[in-house]
Amino acid sequence: MLEEKPITQGKILLQPGTLWTSIKQRSEQALSSGALQSIPTEFEFIEQDGVGFLVRILSNLVRKDEAKQKQEKQSANSVQDFNPFLPYEQELWVADISDTHVCLLNKYNVVDYHLLIITRAFEEQESWLTLEDFAALWACMAEYDGLAFYNGGKIAGASQRHKHLQLVPLPIIPSVVQIPIAPLLRAAQFQDGVGTIPGLPFKHAFVQLDSNWADSPSTAAGATLSSYHNLLRAVGLHRDNCSSSNMQSAAYNLLLTREWMLIVPRSQESYESIPVNSLGFAGTLLVRNNQQMQMLKDLGPMNLLRQVGLPK
């Protein structure tokens, strides 16, 4: 059991047992009104190095592309960069998580019930994660089993500057696959509590978490923050003098479940025109068309991840 470390900021407002019902109700309402614009996909599995990578083909990205162009135009016409989260669309609001974070539906979702956990006040996406970030995340993860992720910077796949973590329910595809990369994680080799995965051919670090922490999100937040800093140190991203600057030193992806956390430093946003965000390192990738799908089959998904990561 963890020693209680009460959080002095970011008081949890979310009422236990209410989140999942709110997500389903808000999703139904937002779909009906058009505020939620799900992107239909088809998918295939591509096997490489013991992983059955789930690859989705985005059959219609027109709406998302149009929205991105609209945002860029609004940003160009304003003194400050356009921020879709300030104010956020009320129809996408799911819950107030804490006095520092709210939970929204991802407007252009590929996965059902894809959540965004955003800071109420503007914070840069390239700033370090905080105790309040992890407290808000665990408050949501205590409600249902999910895969959380953070795209630390544009090179890591972040599309918005406003700090936001993301959470998708598990399994990734109901009754088919939990997390494609999971079989490799069982072979983790640990030293001083931080592990590496022999089957991952890029720089990374891995820690195990205690699923019982979900019973106490405030306690879990402190322990997860400590593990997060251990991961940063293990891959050379941690700044011992980070009090002087809250901005991260380089781009990275972070994946988190109730049982484990994985960090992957990034070298580039995409390879051969195929973009990769955190979910790519969970074993799920997106391509825009059949041509990109064939390119990925020829290259190999694990080779794609190697190209956008750093050498071990």
C-alpha atoms as a PDB file:
ATOM      1  CA  MET A   1       0.000   0.000   0.000  1.00  0.00           C
ATOM      2  CA  LEU A   2       1.077   3.550  -0.671  1.00  0.00           C
ATOM      3  CA  GLU A   3       1.654   6.088   2.042  1.00  0.00           C
ATOM      4  CA  GLU A   4      -0.972   8.812   1.715  1.00  0.00           C
ATOM      5  CA  LYS A   5       0.379  12.004   0.168  1.00  0.00           C
ATOM      6  CA  PRO A   6      -2.571  14.370   0.069  1.00  0.00           C
ATOM      7  CA  ILE A   7      -2.762  16.801  -2.808  1.00  0.00           C
ATOM      8  CA  THR A   8      -2.770  20.406  -1.750  1.00  0.00           C
ATOM      9  CA  GLN A   9      -3.877  21.719  -5.146  1.00  0.00           C
ATOM     10  CA  GLY A  10      -6.230  20.428  -7.826  1.00  0.00           C
ATOM     11  CA  LYS A  11      -9.052  19.333  -5.522  1.00  0.00           C
ATOM     12  CA  ILE A  12     -11.022  16.483  -7.101  1.00  0.00           C
ATOM     13  CA  LEU A  13     -14.578  17.530  -7.995  1.00  0.00           C
ATOM     14  CA  LEU A  14     -15.621  14.437  -9.952  1.00  0.00           C
ATOM     15  CA  GLN A  15     -18.210  12.424  -8.038  1.00  0.00           C
ATOM     16  CA  PRO A  16     -17.256   8.713  -7.905  1.00  0.00           C
ATOM     17  CA  GLY A  17     -19.425   6.445 -10.024  1.00  0.00           C
ATOM     18  CA  THR A  18     -20.677   9.174 -12.369  1.00  0.00           C
ATOM     19  CA  LEU A  19     -18.099   9.476 -15.151  1.00  0.00           C
ATOM     20  CA  TRP A  20     -18.970   6.504 -17.377  1.00  0.00           C
ATOM     21  CA  THR A  21     -22.671   7.373 -17.437  1.00  0.00           C
ATOM     22  CA  SER A  22     -21.809  10.995 -18.246  1.00  0.00           C
ATOM     23  CA  ILE A  23     -19.513   9.924 -21.092  1.00  0.00           C
ATOM     24  CA  LYS A  24     -22.188   7.775 -22.727  1.00  0.00           C
ATOM     25  CA  GLN A  25     -24.936  10.353 -22.317  1.00  0.00           C
ATOM     26  CA  ARG A  26     -22.822  13.238 -23.591  1.00  0.00           C
ATOM     27  CA  SER A  27     -21.558  11.178 -26.535  1.00  0.00           C
ATOM     28  CA  GLU A  28     -25.102  10.361 -27.622  1.00  0.00           C
ATOM     29  CA  GLN A  29     -26.180  14.003 -27.333  1.00  0.00           C
ATOM     30  CA  ALA A  30     -23.078  15.340 -29.100  1.00  0.00           C
ATOM     31  CA  LEU A  31     -23.451  12.882 -31.962  1.00  0.00           C
ATOM     32  CA  SER A  32     -27.073  13.900 -32.424  1.00  0.00           C
ATOM     33  CA  SER A  33     -26.230  17.607 -32.465  1.00  0.00           C
ATOM     34  CA  GLY A  34     -23.188  17.215 -34.735  1.00  0.00           C
ATOM     35  CA  ALA A  35     -20.756  18.538 -32.113  1.00  0.00           C
ATOM     36  CA  LEU A  36     -19.077  15.116 -32.025  1.00  0.00           C
ATOM     37  CA  GLN A  37     -17.851  14.121 -35.476  1.00  0.00           C
ATOM     38  CA  SER A  38     -16.572  10.566 -35.366  1.00  0.00           C
ATOM     39  CA  ILE A  39     -14.225   9.561 -38.187  1.00  0.00           C
ATOM     40  CA  PRO A  40     -15.152   6.167 -39.671  1.00  0.00           C
ATOM     41  CA  THR A  41     -12.322   3.696 -40.133  1.00  0.00           C
ATOM     42  CA  GLU A  42     -11.541   0.249 -41.412  1.00  0.00           C
ATOM     43  CA  PHE A  43      -8.709  -1.736 -39.858  1.00  0.00           C
ATOM     44  CA  GLU A  44      -6.220  -4.496 -40.531  1.00  0.00           C
ATOM     45  CA  PHE A  45      -3.599  -6.264 -38.453  1.00  0.00           C
ATOM     46  CA  ILE A  46       0.042  -6.275 -39.525  1.00  0.00           C
ATOM     47  CA  GLU A  47       2.326  -8.697 -37.710  1.00  0.00           C
ATOM     48  CA  GLN A  48       5.928  -7.827 -36.951  1.00  0.00           C
ATOM     49  CA  ASP A  49       8.310  -8.890 -34.172  1.00  0.00           C
ATOM     50  CA  GLY A  50       5.647 -10.624 -32.109  1.00  0.00           C
ATOM     51  CA  VAL A  51       3.145  -7.770 -32.240  1.00  0.00           C
ATOM     52  CA  GLY A  52      -0.131  -7.741 -34.144  1.00  0.00           C
ATOM     53  CA  PHE A  53      -0.227  -4.029 -34.973  1.00  0.00           C
ATOM     54  CA  LEU A  54      -3.720  -2.634 -35.360  1.00  0.00           C
ATOM     55  CA  VAL A  55      -3.706  -0.291 -38.363  1.00  0.00           C
ATOM     56  CA  ARG A  56      -6.745   1.838 -39.097  1.00  0.00           C
ATOM     57  CA  ILE A  57      -7.465   3.416 -42.471  1.00  0.00           C
ATOM     58  CA  LEU A  58      -9.110   6.805 -42.008  1.00  0.00           C
ATOM     59  CA  SER A  59     -11.701   6.715 -44.745  1.00  0.00           C
ATOM     60  CA  ASN A  60     -12.866  10.309 -44.292  1.00  0.00           C
ATOM     61  CA  LEU A  61     -10.586  13.049 -42.975  1.00  0.00           C
ATOM     62  CA  VAL A  62     -12.292  15.889 -44.835  1.00  0.00           C
ATOM     63  CA  ARG A  63     -14.031  17.291 -41.759  1.00  0.00           C
ATOM     64  CA  LYS A  64     -10.888  17.195 -39.649  1.00  0.00           C
ATOM     65  CA  ASP A  65      -8.798  18.781 -42.401  1.00  0.00           C
ATOM     66  CA  GLU A  66     -11.383  21.539 -42.847  1.00  0.00           C
ATOM     67  CA  ALA A  67     -11.441  22.194 -39.102  1.00  0.00           C
ATOM     68  CA  LYS A  68      -7.651  22.401 -39.000  1.00  0.00           C
ATOM     69  CA  GLN A  69      -7.638  24.898 -41.871  1.00  0.00           C
ATOM     70  CA  LYS A  70     -10.302  26.952 -40.059  1.00  0.00           C
ATOM     71  CA  GLN A  71      -8.211  26.982 -36.878  1.00  0.00           C
ATOM     72  CA  GLU A  72      -5.116  28.068 -38.802  1.00  0.00           C
ATOM     73  CA  LYS A  73      -7.105  30.879 -40.437  1.00  0.00           C
ATOM     74  CA  GLN A  74      -8.496  32.029 -37.085  1.00  0.00           C
ATOM     75  CA  SER A  75      -5.023  31.941 -35.583  1.00  0.00           C
ATOM     76  CA  ALA A  76      -3.581  33.970 -38.477  1.00  0.00           C
ATOM     77  CA  ASN A  77      -6.294  36.605 -38.052  1.00  0.00           C
ATOM     78  CA  SER A  78      -5.863  36.987 -34.295  1.00  0.00           C
ATOM     79  CA  VAL A  79      -3.149  38.490 -32.125  1.00  0.00           C
ATOM     80  CA  GLN A  80      -2.898  35.266 -30.123  1.00  0.00           C
ATOM     81  CA  ASP A  81      -2.929  31.702 -31.402  1.00  0.00           C
ATOM     82  CA  PHE A  82      -6.423  30.255 -31.731  1.00  0.00           C
ATOM     83  CA  ASN A  83      -7.186  27.833 -28.908  1.00  0.00           C
ATOM     84  CA  PRO A  84     -10.141  25.406 -29.343  1.00  0.00           C
ATOM     85  CA  PHE A  85     -10.114  24.744 -25.587  1.00  0.00           C
ATOM     86  CA  LEU A  86     -10.524  28.397 -24.545  1.00  0.00           C
ATOM     87  CA  PRO A  87     -13.430  28.397 -24.570  1.00  0.00           C
ATOM     88  CA  TYR A  88     -14.209  24.748 -25.253  1.00  0.00           C
ATOM     89  CA  GLU A  89     -17.433  23.586 -26.910  1.00  0.00           C
ATOM     90  CA  GLN A  90     -20.007  23.138 -24.159  1.00  0.00           C
ATOM     91  CA  GLU A  91     -21.593  20.244 -26.060  1.00  0.00           C
ATOM     92  CA  LEU A  92     -18.336  18.295 -25.702  1.00  0.00           C
ATOM     93  CA  TRP A  93     -18.070  18.833 -21.933  1.00  0.00           C
ATOM     94  CA  VAL A  94     -18.308  15.627 -19.919  1.00  0.00           C
ATOM     95  CA  ALA A  95     -17.339  16.543 -16.355  1.00  0.00           C
ATOM     96  CA  ASP A  96     -15.410  18.870 -14.092  1.00  0.00           C
ATOM     97  CA  ILE A  97     -12.626  16.627 -12.815  1.00  0.00           C
ATOM     98  CA  SER A  98     -10.862  19.004 -10.447  1.00  0.00           C
ATOM     99  CA  ASP A  99     -10.433  22.701  -9.882  1.00  0.00           C
ATOM    100  CA  THR A 100      -7.574  22.571 -12.413  1.00  0.00           C
ATOM    101  CA  HIS A 101      -8.894  20.147 -15.086  1.00  0.00           C
ATOM    102  CA  VAL A 102     -12.028  19.355 -17.080  1.00  0.00           C
ATOM    103  CA  CYS A 103     -12.938  16.355 -19.220  1.00  0.00           C
ATOM    104  CA  LEU A 104     -14.112  16.744 -22.831  1.00  0.00           C
ATOM    105  CA  LEU A 105     -15.000  14.408 -25.671  1.00  0.00           C
ATOM    106  CA  ASN A 106     -12.475  14.335 -28.486  1.00  0.00           C
ATOM    107  CA  LYS A 107     -14.406  16.076 -31.271  1.00  0.00           C
ATOM    108  CA  TYR A 108     -12.885  14.058 -34.140  1.00  0.00           C
ATOM    109  CA  ASN A 109     -12.687  10.667 -32.490  1.00  0.00           C
ATOM    110  CA  VAL A 110     -11.607   7.434 -34.128  1.00  0.00           C
ATOM    111  CA  VAL A 111     -12.224   5.417 -30.941  1.00  0.00           C
ATOM    112  CA  ASP A 112     -15.569   5.622 -29.135  1.00  0.00           C
ATOM    113  CA  TYR A 113     -15.555   7.506 -25.821  1.00  0.00           C
ATOM    114  CA  HIS A 114     -12.158   9.091 -26.479  1.00  0.00           C
ATOM    115  CA  LEU A 115     -11.619  11.669 -23.728  1.00  0.00           C
ATOM    116  CA  LEU A 116      -9.464  14.776 -23.433  1.00  0.00           C
ATOM    117  CA  ILE A 117      -8.330  15.826 -19.967  1.00  0.00           C
ATOM    118  CA  ILE A 118      -7.421  19.496 -20.313  1.00  0.00           C
ATOM    119  CA  THR A 119      -6.182  22.198 -17.988  1.00  0.00           C
ATOM    120  CA  ARG A 120      -8.732  24.921 -17.249  1.00  0.00           C
ATOM    121  CA  ALA A 121      -6.098  27.639 -17.605  1.00  0.00           C
ATOM    122  CA  PHE A 122      -3.720  27.647 -20.561  1.00  0.00           C
ATOM    123  CA  GLU A 123      -0.559  25.599 -20.111  1.00  0.00           C
ATOM    124  CA  GLU A 124       1.832  24.655 -22.894  1.00  0.00           C
ATOM    125  CA  GLN A 125       1.630  21.098 -24.191  1.00  0.00           C
ATOM    126  CA  GLU A 126       5.434  21.031 -24.017  1.00  0.00           C
ATOM    127  CA  SER A 127       5.516  21.660 -20.283  1.00  0.00           C
ATOM    128  CA  TRP A 128       6.270  18.932 -17.760  1.00  0.00           C
ATOM    129  CA  LEU A 129       3.358  16.935 -16.387  1.00  0.00           C
ATOM    130  CA  THR A 130       2.408  17.826 -12.825  1.00  0.00           C
ATOM    131  CA  LEU A 131       0.844  16.375  -9.713  1.00  0.00           C
ATOM    132  CA  GLU A 132      -2.450  17.979 -10.718  1.00  0.00           C
ATOM    133  CA  ASP A 133      -2.291  16.376 -14.181  1.00  0.00           C
ATOM    134  CA  PHE A 134      -1.865  12.906 -12.718  1.00  0.00           C
ATOM    135  CA  ALA A 135      -4.534  13.490 -10.069  1.00  0.00           C
ATOM    136  CA  ALA A 136      -7.076  14.395 -12.749  1.00  0.00           C
ATOM    137  CA  LEU A 137      -6.016  11.419 -14.862  1.00  0.00           C
ATOM    138  CA  TRP A 138      -6.306   8.916 -12.009  1.00  0.00           C
ATOM    139  CA  ALA A 139      -9.713  10.323 -11.038  1.00  0.00           C
ATOM    140  CA  CYS A 140     -10.881   9.250 -14.502  1.00  0.00           C
ATOM    141  CA  MET A 141      -8.978   5.957 -14.569  1.00  0.00           C
ATOM    142  CA  ALA A 142     -10.534   5.030 -11.231  1.00  0.00           C
ATOM    143  CA  GLU A 143     -13.911   5.028 -12.995  1.00  0.00           C
ATOM    144  CA  TYR A 144     -13.071   2.617 -15.811  1.00  0.00           C
ATOM    145  CA  ASP A 145     -10.120   0.711 -17.271  1.00  0.00           C
ATOM    146  CA  GLY A 146      -8.408   2.769 -19.956  1.00  0.00           C
ATOM    147  CA  LEU A 147      -5.230   3.575 -21.831  1.00  0.00           C
ATOM    148  CA  ALA A 148      -4.012   7.105 -21.155  1.00  0.00           C
ATOM    149  CA  PHE A 149      -1.446   8.927 -23.247  1.00  0.00           C
ATOM    150  CA  TYR A 150       0.334  12.233 -23.600  1.00  0.00           C
ATOM    151  CA  ASN A 151       1.878  13.562 -26.794  1.00  0.00           C
ATOM    152  CA  GLY A 152       4.676  15.720 -25.439  1.00  0.00           C
ATOM    153  CA  GLY A 153       5.082  18.284 -28.204  1.00  0.00           C
ATOM    154  CA  LYS A 154       4.416  18.604 -31.922  1.00  0.00           C
ATOM    155  CA  ILE A 155       7.179  16.146 -32.829  1.00  0.00           C
ATOM    156  CA  ALA A 156       5.413  13.607 -30.599  1.00  0.00           C
ATOM    157  CA  GLY A 157       2.100  14.078 -32.422  1.00  0.00           C
ATOM    158  CA  ALA A 158       0.453  16.874 -30.423  1.00  0.00           C
ATOM    159  CA  SER A 159      -2.018  18.858 -32.531  1.00  0.00           C
ATOM    160  CA  GLN A 160      -2.841  21.554 -29.947  1.00  0.00           C
ATOM    161  CA  ARG A 161      -0.575  23.699 -27.758  1.00  0.00           C
ATOM    162  CA  HIS A 162      -3.006  23.684 -24.799  1.00  0.00           C
ATOM    163  CA  LYS A 163      -1.966  20.931 -22.380  1.00  0.00           C
ATOM    164  CA  HIS A 164      -4.199  17.877 -22.650  1.00  0.00           C
ATOM    165  CA  LEU A 165      -3.868  14.239 -21.705  1.00  0.00           C
ATOM    166  CA  GLN A 166      -6.005  11.676 -23.499  1.00  0.00           C
ATOM    167  CA  LEU A 167      -7.800   8.534 -22.394  1.00  0.00           C
ATOM    168  CA  VAL A 168      -9.434   5.750 -24.386  1.00  0.00           C
ATOM    169  CA  PRO A 169     -11.316   2.792 -22.876  1.00  0.00           C
ATOM    170  CA  LEU A 170      -9.906  -0.715 -22.972  1.00  0.00           C
ATOM    171  CA  PRO A 171      -9.929  -3.027 -24.782  1.00  0.00           C
ATOM    172  CA  ILE A 172      -8.856  -1.080 -27.879  1.00  0.00           C
ATOM    173  CA  ILE A 173     -11.261  -3.189 -29.931  1.00  0.00           C
ATOM    174  CA  PRO A 174     -13.891  -4.928 -27.779  1.00  0.00           C
ATOM    175  CA  SER A 175     -13.558  -8.731 -27.686  1.00  0.00           C
ATOM    176  CA  VAL A 176     -10.638  -8.583 -30.156  1.00  0.00           C
ATOM    177  CA  VAL A 177      -7.545  -6.886 -28.755  1.00  0.00           C
ATOM    178  CA  GLN A 178      -6.636  -5.254 -25.442  1.00  0.00           C
ATOM    179  CA  ILE A 179      -3.334  -3.465 -26.218  1.00  0.00           C
ATOM    180  CA  PRO A 180      -1.330  -4.883 -29.151  1.00  0.00           C
ATOM    181  CA  ILE A 181       2.084  -4.180 -27.597  1.00  0.00           C
ATOM    182  CA  ALA A 182       1.185  -5.951 -24.324  1.00  0.00           C
ATOM    183  CA  PRO A 183       2.831  -9.340 -25.122  1.00  0.00           C
ATOM    184  CA  LEU A 184       6.255  -7.670 -25.326  1.00  0.00           C
ATOM    185  CA  LEU A 185       5.859  -5.945 -21.965  1.00  0.00           C
ATOM    186  CA  ARG A 186       5.880  -9.249 -20.106  1.00  0.00           C
ATOM    187  CA  ALA A 187       9.573  -9.654 -20.985  1.00  0.00           C
ATOM    188  CA  ALA A 188      10.606  -6.365 -19.326  1.00  0.00           C
ATOM    189  CA  GLN A 189      14.017  -6.386 -17.660  1.00  0.00           C
ATOM    190  CA  PHE A 190      14.331  -4.156 -14.594  1.00  0.00           C
ATOM    191  CA  GLN A 191      17.142  -2.358 -12.831  1.00  0.00           C
ATOM    192  CA  ASP A 192      16.358  -0.186  -9.815  1.00  0.00           C
ATOM    193  CA  GLY A 193      12.667  -0.350 -10.638  1.00  0.00           C
ATOM    194  CA  VAL A 194      12.946   0.953 -14.211  1.00  0.00           C
ATOM    195  CA  GLY A 195      12.681  -1.518 -17.058  1.00  0.00           C
ATOM    196  CA  THR A 196      13.421  -1.908 -20.739  1.00  0.00           C
ATOM    197  CA  ILE A 197      11.603  -4.134 -23.203  1.00  0.00           C
ATOM    198  CA  PRO A 198      13.958  -6.343 -25.279  1.00  0.00           C
ATOM    199  CA  GLY A 199      11.507  -6.398 -28.202  1.00  0.00           C
ATOM    200  CA  LEU A 200      11.348  -2.615 -28.605  1.00  0.00           C
ATOM    201  CA  PRO A 201      14.123  -1.429 -30.960  1.00  0.00           C
ATOM    202  CA  PHE A 202      14.124   2.222 -29.852  1.00  0.00           C
ATOM    203  CA  LYS A 203      15.013   4.153 -26.724  1.00  0.00           C
ATOM    204  CA  HIS A 204      12.381   3.840 -23.998  1.00  0.00           C
ATOM    205  CA  ALA A 205      11.831   3.202 -20.302  1.00  0.00           C
ATOM    206  CA  PHE A 206       9.098   1.255 -18.532  1.00  0.00           C
ATOM    207  CA  VAL A 207       7.739   0.985 -14.973  1.00  0.00           C
ATOM    208  CA  GLN A 208       5.100  -1.175 -13.360  1.00  0.00           C
ATOM    209  CA  LEU A 209       2.269   0.453 -11.406  1.00  0.00           C
ATOM    210  CA  ASP A 210      -0.141  -0.929  -8.824  1.00  0.00           C
ATOM    211  CA  SER A 211      -3.707  -1.210 -10.137  1.00  0.00           C
ATOM    212  CA  ASN A 212      -4.964  -0.814  -6.553  1.00  0.00           C
ATOM    213  CA  TRP A 213      -3.863   2.809  -6.747  1.00  0.00           C
ATOM    214  CA  ALA A 214      -7.118   3.484  -8.616  1.00  0.00           C
ATOM    215  CA  ASP A 215      -8.836   3.212  -5.244  1.00  0.00           C
ATOM    216  CA  SER A 216      -7.140   6.448  -4.176  1.00  0.00           C
ATOM    217  CA  PRO A 217      -6.471   8.841  -7.091  1.00  0.00           C
ATOM    218  CA  SER A 218      -4.859  11.448  -4.849  1.00  0.00           C
ATOM    219  CA  THR A 219      -2.406   8.883  -3.493  1.00  0.00           C
ATOM    220  CA  ALA A 220      -1.801   7.440  -6.952  1.00  0.00           C
ATOM    221  CA  ALA A 221      -0.956  10.868  -8.371  1.00  0.00           C
ATOM    222  CA  GLY A 222       2.080  11.354  -6.137  1.00  0.00           C
ATOM    223  CA  ALA A 223       3.433   7.866  -6.798  1.00  0.00           C
ATOM    224  CA  THR A 224       2.879   8.216 -10.550  1.00  0.00           C
ATOM    225  CA  LEU A 225       4.589  11.612 -10.622  1.00  0.00           C
ATOM    226  CA  SER A 226       7.637  10.057  -8.950  1.00  0.00           C
ATOM    227  CA  SER A 227       7.662   7.197 -11.478  1.00  0.00           C
ATOM    228  CA  TYR A 228       7.285   9.708 -14.321  1.00  0.00           C
ATOM    229  CA  HIS A 229      10.413  11.541 -13.181  1.00  0.00           C
ATOM    230  CA  ASN A 230      12.271   8.236 -12.920  1.00  0.00           C
ATOM    231  CA  LEU A 231      11.326   7.474 -16.531  1.00  0.00           C
ATOM    232  CA  LEU A 232      12.464  10.906 -17.684  1.00  0.00           C
ATOM    233  CA  ARG A 233      15.831  10.392 -16.014  1.00  0.00           C
ATOM    234  CA  ALA A 234      16.183   6.926 -17.534  1.00  0.00           C
ATOM    235  CA  VAL A 235      15.861   8.265 -21.100  1.00  0.00           C
ATOM    236  CA  GLY A 236      17.901  11.425 -20.490  1.00  0.00           C
ATOM    237  CA  LEU A 237      15.038  13.938 -20.601  1.00  0.00           C
ATOM    238  CA  HIS A 238      14.863  14.931 -16.962  1.00  0.00           C
ATOM    239  CA  ARG A 239      16.237  18.291 -15.904  1.00  0.00           C
ATOM    240  CA  ASP A 240      17.452  18.268 -12.319  1.00  0.00           C
ATOM    241  CA  ASN A 241      17.040  22.021 -12.335  1.00  0.00           C
ATOM    242  CA  CYS A 242      13.526  21.887 -13.763  1.00  0.00           C
ATOM    243  CA  SER A 243      12.336  24.443 -11.193  1.00  0.00           C
ATOM    244  CA  SER A 244      13.938  27.111 -13.347  1.00  0.00           C
ATOM    245  CA  SER A 245      11.945  26.074 -16.406  1.00  0.00           C
ATOM    246  CA  ASN A 246       8.726  24.116 -16.685  1.00  0.00           C
ATOM    247  CA  MET A 247       9.295  23.410 -20.385  1.00  0.00           C
ATOM    248  CA  GLN A 248      10.330  19.916 -21.420  1.00  0.00           C
ATOM    249  CA  SER A 249      13.798  19.430 -22.851  1.00  0.00           C
ATOM    250  CA  ALA A 250      12.702  17.301 -25.838  1.00  0.00           C
ATOM    251  CA  ALA A 251       9.648  15.630 -27.362  1.00  0.00           C
ATOM    252  CA  TYR A 252       8.378  12.321 -26.007  1.00  0.00           C
ATOM    253  CA  ASN A 253       5.336  10.057 -25.858  1.00  0.00           C
ATOM    254  CA  LEU A 254       3.922   8.727 -22.604  1.00  0.00           C
ATOM    255  CA  LEU A 255       1.557   5.747 -22.249  1.00  0.00           C
ATOM    256  CA  LEU A 256      -0.139   4.823 -18.998  1.00  0.00           C
ATOM    257  CA  THR A 257      -2.533   2.145 -17.770  1.00  0.00           C
ATOM    258  CA  ARG A 258      -3.468   1.103 -14.247  1.00  0.00           C
ATOM    259  CA  GLU A 259      -0.631  -1.461 -14.412  1.00  0.00           C
ATOM    260  CA  TRP A 260       2.272   0.264 -16.198  1.00  0.00           C
ATOM    261  CA  MET A 261       3.778   3.400 -17.730  1.00  0.00           C
ATOM    262  CA  LEU A 262       6.021   3.682 -20.810  1.00  0.00           C
ATOM    263  CA  ILE A 263       7.986   6.665 -22.128  1.00  0.00           C
ATOM    264  CA  VAL A 264       9.490   6.992 -25.624  1.00  0.00           C
ATOM    265  CA  PRO A 265      11.649   9.984 -26.693  1.00  0.00           C
ATOM    266  CA  ARG A 266      10.972  11.199 -30.246  1.00  0.00           C
ATOM    267  CA  SER A 267      13.216  12.236 -33.112  1.00  0.00           C
ATOM    268  CA  GLN A 268      10.597  13.150 -35.728  1.00  0.00           C
ATOM    269  CA  GLU A 269       6.851  13.508 -36.142  1.00  0.00           C
ATOM    270  CA  SER A 270       6.424  11.106 -39.067  1.00  0.00           C
ATOM    271  CA  TYR A 271       8.290   8.832 -41.472  1.00  0.00           C
ATOM    272  CA  GLU A 272       7.455   8.362 -45.148  1.00  0.00           C
ATOM    273  CA  SER A 273       4.440  10.669 -44.583  1.00  0.00           C
ATOM    274  CA  ILE A 274       2.950   8.350 -41.896  1.00  0.00           C
ATOM    275  CA  PRO A 275       2.500  10.273 -38.619  1.00  0.00           C
ATOM    276  CA  VAL A 276       2.954   8.600 -35.237  1.00  0.00           C
ATOM    277  CA  ASN A 277       1.599   9.674 -31.872  1.00  0.00           C
ATOM    278  CA  SER A 278       1.597   7.883 -28.512  1.00  0.00           C
ATOM    279  CA  LEU A 279      -0.893   5.237 -29.636  1.00  0.00           C
ATOM    280  CA  GLY A 280       1.597   4.080 -32.257  1.00  0.00           C
ATOM    281  CA  PHE A 281       3.816   2.825 -29.428  1.00  0.00           C
ATOM    282  CA  ALA A 282       0.853   0.923 -28.009  1.00  0.00           C
ATOM    283  CA  GLY A 283       0.696  -0.914 -31.338  1.00  0.00           C
ATOM    284  CA  THR A 284      -2.082   1.054 -33.043  1.00  0.00           C
ATOM    285  CA  LEU A 285      -1.412   3.197 -36.102  1.00  0.00           C
ATOM    286  CA  LEU A 286      -3.398   5.356 -38.524  1.00  0.00           C
ATOM    287  CA  VAL A 287      -2.953   5.669 -42.278  1.00  0.00           C
ATOM    288  CA  ARG A 288      -4.859   7.944 -44.625  1.00  0.00           C
ATOM    289  CA  ASN A 289      -5.401   5.574 -47.542  1.00  0.00           C
ATOM    290  CA  ASN A 290      -4.573   2.193 -49.099  1.00  0.00           C
ATOM    291  CA  GLN A 291      -1.328   3.530 -50.531  1.00  0.00           C
ATOM    292  CA  GLN A 292      -0.047   4.362 -47.055  1.00  0.00           C
ATOM    293  CA  MET A 293      -1.277   0.992 -45.810  1.00  0.00           C
ATOM    294  CA  GLN A 294       0.809  -0.785 -48.443  1.00  0.00           C
ATOM    295  CA  MET A 295       3.789   1.428 -47.646  1.00  0.00           C
ATOM    296  CA  LEU A 296       3.482   0.473 -43.984  1.00  0.00           C
ATOM    297  CA  LYS A 297       3.279  -3.228 -44.854  1.00  0.00           C
ATOM    298  CA  ASP A 298       6.438  -2.924 -46.946  1.00  0.00           C
ATOM    299  CA  LEU A 299       8.282  -0.972 -44.251  1.00  0.00           C
ATOM    300  CA  GLY A 300       6.981  -2.837 -41.201  1.00  0.00           C
ATOM    301  CA  PRO A 301       5.243  -1.070 -38.285  1.00  0.00           C
ATOM    302  CA  MET A 302       8.070  -1.705 -35.809  1.00  0.00           C
ATOM    303  CA  ASN A 303      10.537  -0.264 -38.307  1.00  0.00           C
ATOM    304  CA  LEU A 304       8.338   2.828 -38.555  1.00  0.00           C
ATOM    305  CA  LEU A 305       8.486   3.253 -34.780  1.00  0.00           C
ATOM    306  CA  ARG A 306      12.251   2.820 -34.851  1.00  0.00           C
ATOM    307  CA  GLN A 307      12.550   5.627 -37.394  1.00  0.00           C
ATOM    308  CA  VAL A 308      10.536   8.152 -35.355  1.00  0.00           C
ATOM    309  CA  GLY A 309      12.144   7.212 -32.040  1.00  0.00           C
ATOM    310  CA  LEU A 310      15.782   7.344 -30.896  1.00  0.00           C
ATOM    311  CA  PRO A 311      18.408   4.602 -31.096  1.00  0.00           C
ATOM    312  CA  LYS A 312      18.648   2.339 -28.028  1.00  0.00           C
END
